[in-house]
């Protein structure tokens, strides 16, 4: 872990991730596949996904992405 933190501390303050840049540009991001698809599959198969649902709800509120 210390090595990873050292790498992060060396990044420029304005550095962003590709997902962050996609969202800021209004482009599709990996959020659907990483979060929303998991929630959809949980609902489809009757599997409770409370933590994923919390994350999806927070993203809906902050990023204005609607769960389909």
PDB file of N, CA and C in Angstrom:
ATOM      1  N   UNK A   1       0.804  -1.190   0.000  1.00  0.00           N
ATOM      2  CA  UNK A   1       0.000   0.000   0.000  1.00  0.00           C
ATOM      3  C   UNK A   1       0.858   1.269   0.000  1.00  0.00           C
ATOM      4  N   UNK A   2       1.934   1.343   0.778  1.00  0.00           N
ATOM      5  CA  UNK A   2       2.734   2.568   0.770  1.00  0.00           C
ATOM      6  C   UNK A   2       3.256   2.932  -0.624  1.00  0.00           C
ATOM      7  N   UNK A   3       3.609   1.931  -1.418  1.00  0.00           N
ATOM      8  CA  UNK A   3       4.089   2.210  -2.774  1.00  0.00           C
ATOM      9  C   UNK A   3       3.028   2.848  -3.645  1.00  0.00           C
ATOM     10  N   UNK A   4       1.795   2.374  -3.492  1.00  0.00           N
ATOM     11  CA  UNK A   4       0.687   2.940  -4.268  1.00  0.00           C
ATOM     12  C   UNK A   4       0.402   4.370  -3.842  1.00  0.00           C
ATOM     13  N   UNK A   5       0.466   4.623  -2.543  1.00  0.00           N
ATOM     14  CA  UNK A   5       0.250   5.985  -2.060  1.00  0.00           C
ATOM     15  C   UNK A   5       1.349   6.912  -2.551  1.00  0.00           C
ATOM     16  N   UNK A   6       2.568   6.409  -2.644  1.00  0.00           N
ATOM     17  CA  UNK A   6       3.681   7.216  -3.141  1.00  0.00           C
ATOM     18  C   UNK A   6       3.437   7.600  -4.603  1.00  0.00           C
ATOM     19  N   UNK A   7       2.937   6.657  -5.387  1.00  0.00           N
ATOM     20  CA  UNK A   7       2.621   6.949  -6.789  1.00  0.00           C
ATOM     21  C   UNK A   7       1.554   8.034  -6.869  1.00  0.00           C
ATOM     22  N   UNK A   8       0.499   7.888  -6.063  1.00  0.00           N
ATOM     23  CA  UNK A   8      -0.586   8.872  -6.077  1.00  0.00           C
ATOM     24  C   UNK A   8      -0.107  10.249  -5.641  1.00  0.00           C
ATOM     25  N   UNK A   9       0.767  10.291  -4.663  1.00  0.00           N
ATOM     26  CA  UNK A   9       1.246  11.585  -4.182  1.00  0.00           C
ATOM     27  C   UNK A   9       2.106  12.293  -5.231  1.00  0.00           C
ATOM     28  N   UNK A  10       2.623  11.553  -6.188  1.00  0.00           N
ATOM     29  CA  UNK A  10       3.429  12.150  -7.239  1.00  0.00           C
ATOM     30  C   UNK A  10       2.628  12.699  -8.407  1.00  0.00           C
ATOM     31  N   UNK A  11       1.316  12.450  -8.417  1.00  0.00           N
ATOM     32  CA  UNK A  11       0.471  12.947  -9.507  1.00  0.00           C
ATOM     33  C   UNK A  11       0.202  14.435  -9.355  1.00  0.00           C
ATOM     34  N   UNK A  12       0.031  15.082 -10.475  1.00  0.00           N
ATOM     35  CA  UNK A  12      -0.323  16.501 -10.458  1.00  0.00           C
ATOM     36  C   UNK A  12      -1.700  16.670  -9.819  1.00  0.00           C
ATOM     37  N   UNK A  13      -1.917  17.745  -9.082  1.00  0.00           N
ATOM     38  CA  UNK A  13      -3.213  17.958  -8.420  1.00  0.00           C
ATOM     39  C   UNK A  13      -4.397  17.964  -9.385  1.00  0.00           C
ATOM     40  N   UNK A  14      -4.163  18.356 -10.620  1.00  0.00           N
ATOM     41  CA  UNK A  14      -5.258  18.409 -11.605  1.00  0.00           C
ATOM     42  C   UNK A  14      -5.456  17.090 -12.347  1.00  0.00           C
ATOM     43  N   UNK A  15      -4.699  16.068 -11.994  1.00  0.00           N
ATOM     44  CA  UNK A  15      -4.828  14.758 -12.641  1.00  0.00           C
ATOM     45  C   UNK A  15      -6.215  14.175 -12.363  1.00  0.00           C
ATOM     46  N   UNK A  16      -6.787  13.531 -13.377  1.00  0.00           N
ATOM     47  CA  UNK A  16      -8.103  12.908 -13.240  1.00  0.00           C
ATOM     48  C   UNK A  16      -8.071  11.510 -13.830  1.00  0.00           C
ATOM     49  N   UNK A  17      -9.076  10.719 -13.499  1.00  0.00           N
ATOM     50  CA  UNK A  17      -9.199   9.387 -14.077  1.00  0.00           C
ATOM     51  C   UNK A  17      -9.979   9.481 -15.381  1.00  0.00           C
ATOM     52  N   UNK A  18      -9.890   8.455 -16.202  1.00  0.00           N
ATOM     53  CA  UNK A  18     -10.637   8.460 -17.463  1.00  0.00           C
ATOM     54  C   UNK A  18     -12.138   8.492 -17.197  1.00  0.00           C
ATOM     55  N   UNK A  19     -12.594   7.796 -16.143  1.00  0.00           N
ATOM     56  CA  UNK A  19     -14.016   7.815 -15.816  1.00  0.00           C
ATOM     57  C   UNK A  19     -14.458   9.227 -15.431  1.00  0.00           C
ATOM     58  N   UNK A  20     -13.643   9.899 -14.646  1.00  0.00           N
ATOM     59  CA  UNK A  20     -13.972  11.263 -14.237  1.00  0.00           C
ATOM     60  C   UNK A  20     -14.027  12.186 -15.450  1.00  0.00           C
ATOM     61  N   UNK A  21     -13.084  12.045 -16.371  1.00  0.00           N
ATOM     62  CA  UNK A  21     -13.085  12.884 -17.574  1.00  0.00           C
ATOM     63  C   UNK A  21     -14.304  12.595 -18.443  1.00  0.00           C
ATOM     64  N   UNK A  22     -14.679  11.318 -18.568  1.00  0.00           N
ATOM     65  CA  UNK A  22     -15.870  10.963 -19.345  1.00  0.00           C
ATOM     66  C   UNK A  22     -17.117  11.617 -18.753  1.00  0.00           C
ATOM     67  N   UNK A  23     -17.279  11.525 -17.445  1.00  0.00           N
ATOM     68  CA  UNK A  23     -18.453  12.100 -16.788  1.00  0.00           C
ATOM     69  C   UNK A  23     -18.471  13.616 -16.960  1.00  0.00           C
ATOM     70  N   UNK A  24     -17.321  14.250 -16.757  1.00  0.00           N
ATOM     71  CA  UNK A  24     -17.255  15.708 -16.894  1.00  0.00           C
ATOM     72  C   UNK A  24     -17.580  16.147 -18.319  1.00  0.00           C
ATOM     73  N   UNK A  25     -17.259  15.304 -19.303  1.00  0.00           N
ATOM     74  CA  UNK A  25     -17.527  15.622 -20.705  1.00  0.00           C
ATOM     75  C   UNK A  25     -18.920  15.186 -21.147  1.00  0.00           C
ATOM     76  N   UNK A  26     -19.684  14.592 -20.231  1.00  0.00           N
ATOM     77  CA  UNK A  26     -21.026  14.134 -20.574  1.00  0.00           C
ATOM     78  C   UNK A  26     -21.035  12.868 -21.417  1.00  0.00           C
ATOM     79  N   UNK A  27     -19.922  12.152 -21.429  1.00  0.00           N
ATOM     80  CA  UNK A  27     -19.815  10.913 -22.203  1.00  0.00           C
ATOM     81  C   UNK A  27     -20.218   9.719 -21.340  1.00  0.00           C
ATOM     82  N   UNK A  28     -20.562   8.604 -21.987  1.00  0.00           N
ATOM     83  CA  UNK A  28     -20.840   7.383 -21.215  1.00  0.00           C
ATOM     84  C   UNK A  28     -19.575   6.958 -20.467  1.00  0.00           C
ATOM     85  N   UNK A  29     -19.754   6.375 -19.301  1.00  0.00           N
ATOM     86  CA  UNK A  29     -18.599   5.905 -18.533  1.00  0.00           C
ATOM     87  C   UNK A  29     -18.809   4.450 -18.149  1.00  0.00           C
ATOM     88  N   UNK A  30     -17.830   3.926 -17.439  1.00  0.00           N
ATOM     89  CA  UNK A  30     -17.917   2.532 -16.999  1.00  0.00           C
ATOM     90  C   UNK A  30     -18.856   2.363 -15.810  1.00  0.00           C
ATOM     91  N   UNK A  31     -19.411   3.451 -15.305  1.00  0.00           N
ATOM     92  CA  UNK A  31     -20.286   3.377 -14.129  1.00  0.00           C
ATOM     93  C   UNK A  31     -21.439   2.419 -14.365  1.00  0.00           C
ATOM     94  N   UNK A  32     -22.003   2.436 -15.547  1.00  0.00           N
ATOM     95  CA  UNK A  32     -23.150   1.556 -15.805  1.00  0.00           C
ATOM     96  C   UNK A  32     -22.774   0.099 -15.581  1.00  0.00           C
ATOM     97  N   UNK A  33     -21.668  -0.329 -16.165  1.00  0.00           N
ATOM     98  CA  UNK A  33     -21.264  -1.722 -16.043  1.00  0.00           C
ATOM     99  C   UNK A  33     -20.751  -2.095 -14.662  1.00  0.00           C
ATOM    100  N   UNK A  34     -20.112  -1.154 -13.986  1.00  0.00           N
ATOM    101  CA  UNK A  34     -19.513  -1.449 -12.683  1.00  0.00           C
ATOM    102  C   UNK A  34     -20.495  -1.349 -11.525  1.00  0.00           C
ATOM    103  N   UNK A  35     -21.503  -0.506 -11.644  1.00  0.00           N
ATOM    104  CA  UNK A  35     -22.442  -0.294 -10.540  1.00  0.00           C
ATOM    105  C   UNK A  35     -23.865  -0.663 -10.932  1.00  0.00           C
ATOM    106  N   UNK A  36     -24.390   0.012 -11.937  1.00  0.00           N
ATOM    107  CA  UNK A  36     -25.805  -0.149 -12.272  1.00  0.00           C
ATOM    108  C   UNK A  36     -26.144  -1.543 -12.792  1.00  0.00           C
ATOM    109  N   UNK A  37     -25.266  -2.136 -13.569  1.00  0.00           N
ATOM    110  CA  UNK A  37     -25.542  -3.484 -14.074  1.00  0.00           C
ATOM    111  C   UNK A  37     -25.594  -4.494 -12.932  1.00  0.00           C
ATOM    112  N   UNK A  38     -24.754  -4.309 -11.942  1.00  0.00           N
ATOM    113  CA  UNK A  38     -24.772  -5.190 -10.779  1.00  0.00           C
ATOM    114  C   UNK A  38     -26.117  -5.085 -10.062  1.00  0.00           C
ATOM    115  N   UNK A  39     -26.617  -3.847  -9.911  1.00  0.00           N
ATOM    116  CA  UNK A  39     -27.912  -3.636  -9.260  1.00  0.00           C
ATOM    117  C   UNK A  39     -29.034  -4.270 -10.089  1.00  0.00           C
ATOM    118  N   UNK A  40     -28.992  -4.053 -11.402  1.00  0.00           N
ATOM    119  CA  UNK A  40     -30.022  -4.635 -12.275  1.00  0.00           C
ATOM    120  C   UNK A  40     -30.025  -6.155 -12.187  1.00  0.00           C
ATOM    121  N   UNK A  41     -28.840  -6.767 -12.230  1.00  0.00           N
ATOM    122  CA  UNK A  41     -28.764  -8.225 -12.144  1.00  0.00           C
ATOM    123  C   UNK A  41     -29.232  -8.729 -10.777  1.00  0.00           C
ATOM    124  N   UNK A  42     -28.894  -8.001  -9.724  1.00  0.00           N
ATOM    125  CA  UNK A  42     -29.372  -8.378  -8.402  1.00  0.00           C
ATOM    126  C   UNK A  42     -30.894  -8.383  -8.355  1.00  0.00           C
ATOM    127  N   UNK A  43     -31.497  -7.362  -8.937  1.00  0.00           N
ATOM    128  CA  UNK A  43     -32.961  -7.301  -8.976  1.00  0.00           C
ATOM    129  C   UNK A  43     -33.533  -8.436  -9.825  1.00  0.00           C
ATOM    130  N   UNK A  44     -32.909  -8.677 -10.966  1.00  0.00           N
ATOM    131  CA  UNK A  44     -33.386  -9.731 -11.867  1.00  0.00           C
ATOM    132  C   UNK A  44     -33.363 -11.103 -11.194  1.00  0.00           C
ATOM    133  N   UNK A  45     -32.307 -11.364 -10.424  1.00  0.00           N
ATOM    134  CA  UNK A  45     -32.149 -12.676  -9.800  1.00  0.00           C
ATOM    135  C   UNK A  45     -32.588 -12.714  -8.334  1.00  0.00           C
ATOM    136  N   UNK A  46     -33.190 -11.627  -7.868  1.00  0.00           N
ATOM    137  CA  UNK A  46     -33.689 -11.596  -6.502  1.00  0.00           C
ATOM    138  C   UNK A  46     -32.599 -11.610  -5.436  1.00  0.00           C
ATOM    139  N   UNK A  47     -31.451 -11.020  -5.760  1.00  0.00           N
ATOM    140  CA  UNK A  47     -30.331 -10.968  -4.827  1.00  0.00           C
ATOM    141  C   UNK A  47     -30.236  -9.548  -4.263  1.00  0.00           C
ATOM    142  N   UNK A  48     -30.248  -9.448  -2.955  1.00  0.00           N
ATOM    143  CA  UNK A  48     -30.141  -8.148  -2.305  1.00  0.00           C
ATOM    144  C   UNK A  48     -28.753  -7.552  -2.531  1.00  0.00           C
ATOM    145  N   UNK A  49     -28.714  -6.311  -2.932  1.00  0.00           N
ATOM    146  CA  UNK A  49     -27.455  -5.610  -3.200  1.00  0.00           C
ATOM    147  C   UNK A  49     -27.469  -4.252  -2.499  1.00  0.00           C
ATOM    148  N   UNK A  50     -27.614  -4.222  -1.177  1.00  0.00           N
ATOM    149  CA  UNK A  50     -27.815  -2.944  -0.492  1.00  0.00           C
ATOM    150  C   UNK A  50     -26.660  -1.955  -0.656  1.00  0.00           C
ATOM    151  N   UNK A  51     -25.444  -2.430  -0.640  1.00  0.00           N
ATOM    152  CA  UNK A  51     -24.318  -1.505  -0.766  1.00  0.00           C
ATOM    153  C   UNK A  51     -24.222  -0.933  -2.180  1.00  0.00           C
ATOM    154  N   UNK A  52     -24.417  -1.790  -3.177  1.00  0.00           N
ATOM    155  CA  UNK A  52     -24.415  -1.303  -4.560  1.00  0.00           C
ATOM    156  C   UNK A  52     -25.573  -0.337  -4.790  1.00  0.00           C
ATOM    157  N   UNK A  53     -26.736  -0.638  -4.195  1.00  0.00           N
ATOM    158  CA  UNK A  53     -27.889   0.248  -4.343  1.00  0.00           C
ATOM    159  C   UNK A  53     -27.623   1.609  -3.706  1.00  0.00           C
ATOM    160  N   UNK A  54     -26.919   1.630  -2.573  1.00  0.00           N
ATOM    161  CA  UNK A  54     -26.554   2.901  -1.932  1.00  0.00           C
ATOM    162  C   UNK A  54     -25.620   3.705  -2.835  1.00  0.00           C
ATOM    163  N   UNK A  55     -24.632   3.027  -3.401  1.00  0.00           N
ATOM    164  CA  UNK A  55     -23.691   3.710  -4.293  1.00  0.00           C
ATOM    165  C   UNK A  55     -24.433   4.239  -5.520  1.00  0.00           C
ATOM    166  N   UNK A  56     -25.314   3.429  -6.099  1.00  0.00           N
ATOM    167  CA  UNK A  56     -26.077   3.848  -7.274  1.00  0.00           C
ATOM    168  C   UNK A  56     -26.939   5.060  -6.946  1.00  0.00           C
ATOM    169  N   UNK A  57     -27.583   5.063  -5.793  1.00  0.00           N
ATOM    170  CA  UNK A  57     -28.421   6.194  -5.398  1.00  0.00           C
ATOM    171  C   UNK A  57     -27.578   7.456  -5.219  1.00  0.00           C
ATOM    172  N   UNK A  58     -26.404   7.317  -4.623  1.00  0.00           N
ATOM    173  CA  UNK A  58     -25.512   8.471  -4.436  1.00  0.00           C
ATOM    174  C   UNK A  58     -25.050   9.004  -5.786  1.00  0.00           C
ATOM    175  N   UNK A  59     -24.708   8.109  -6.703  1.00  0.00           N
ATOM    176  CA  UNK A  59     -24.304   8.540  -8.036  1.00  0.00           C
ATOM    177  C   UNK A  59     -25.453   9.238  -8.759  1.00  0.00           C
ATOM    178  N   UNK A  60     -26.658   8.698  -8.613  1.00  0.00           N
ATOM    179  CA  UNK A  60     -27.830   9.336  -9.221  1.00  0.00           C
ATOM    180  C   UNK A  60     -27.951  10.776  -8.755  1.00  0.00           C
ATOM    181  N   UNK A  61     -27.764  10.988  -7.469  1.00  0.00           N
ATOM    182  CA  UNK A  61     -27.919  12.315  -6.888  1.00  0.00           C
ATOM    183  C   UNK A  61     -26.802  13.265  -7.301  1.00  0.00           C
ATOM    184  N   UNK A  62     -25.586  12.741  -7.389  1.00  0.00           N
ATOM    185  CA  UNK A  62     -24.435  13.609  -7.645  1.00  0.00           C
ATOM    186  C   UNK A  62     -24.066  13.751  -9.109  1.00  0.00           C
ATOM    187  N   UNK A  63     -24.274  12.723  -9.871  1.00  0.00           N
ATOM    188  CA  UNK A  63     -23.833  12.728 -11.268  1.00  0.00           C
ATOM    189  C   UNK A  63     -25.019  12.843 -12.221  1.00  0.00           C
ATOM    190  N   UNK A  64     -26.226  12.719 -11.672  1.00  0.00           N
ATOM    191  CA  UNK A  64     -27.447  12.824 -12.458  1.00  0.00           C
ATOM    192  C   UNK A  64     -27.547  11.710 -13.500  1.00  0.00           C
ATOM    193  N   UNK A  65     -27.201  10.494 -13.085  1.00  0.00           N
ATOM    194  CA  UNK A  65     -27.335   9.318 -13.925  1.00  0.00           C
ATOM    195  C   UNK A  65     -28.559   8.550 -13.411  1.00  0.00           C
ATOM    196  N   UNK A  66     -29.399   8.127 -14.300  1.00  0.00           N
ATOM    197  CA  UNK A  66     -30.624   7.450 -13.890  1.00  0.00           C
ATOM    198  C   UNK A  66     -30.467   5.951 -14.051  1.00  0.00           C
ATOM    199  N   UNK A  67     -30.802   5.201 -12.992  1.00  0.00           N
ATOM    200  CA  UNK A  67     -30.774   3.746 -13.030  1.00  0.00           C
ATOM    201  C   UNK A  67     -31.890   3.265 -13.920  1.00  0.00           C
ATOM    202  N   UNK A  68     -31.552   2.456 -14.903  1.00  0.00           N
ATOM    203  CA  UNK A  68     -32.540   1.986 -15.871  1.00  0.00           C
ATOM    204  C   UNK A  68     -33.073   0.650 -15.465  1.00  0.00           C
TER     205      UNK A  68
END
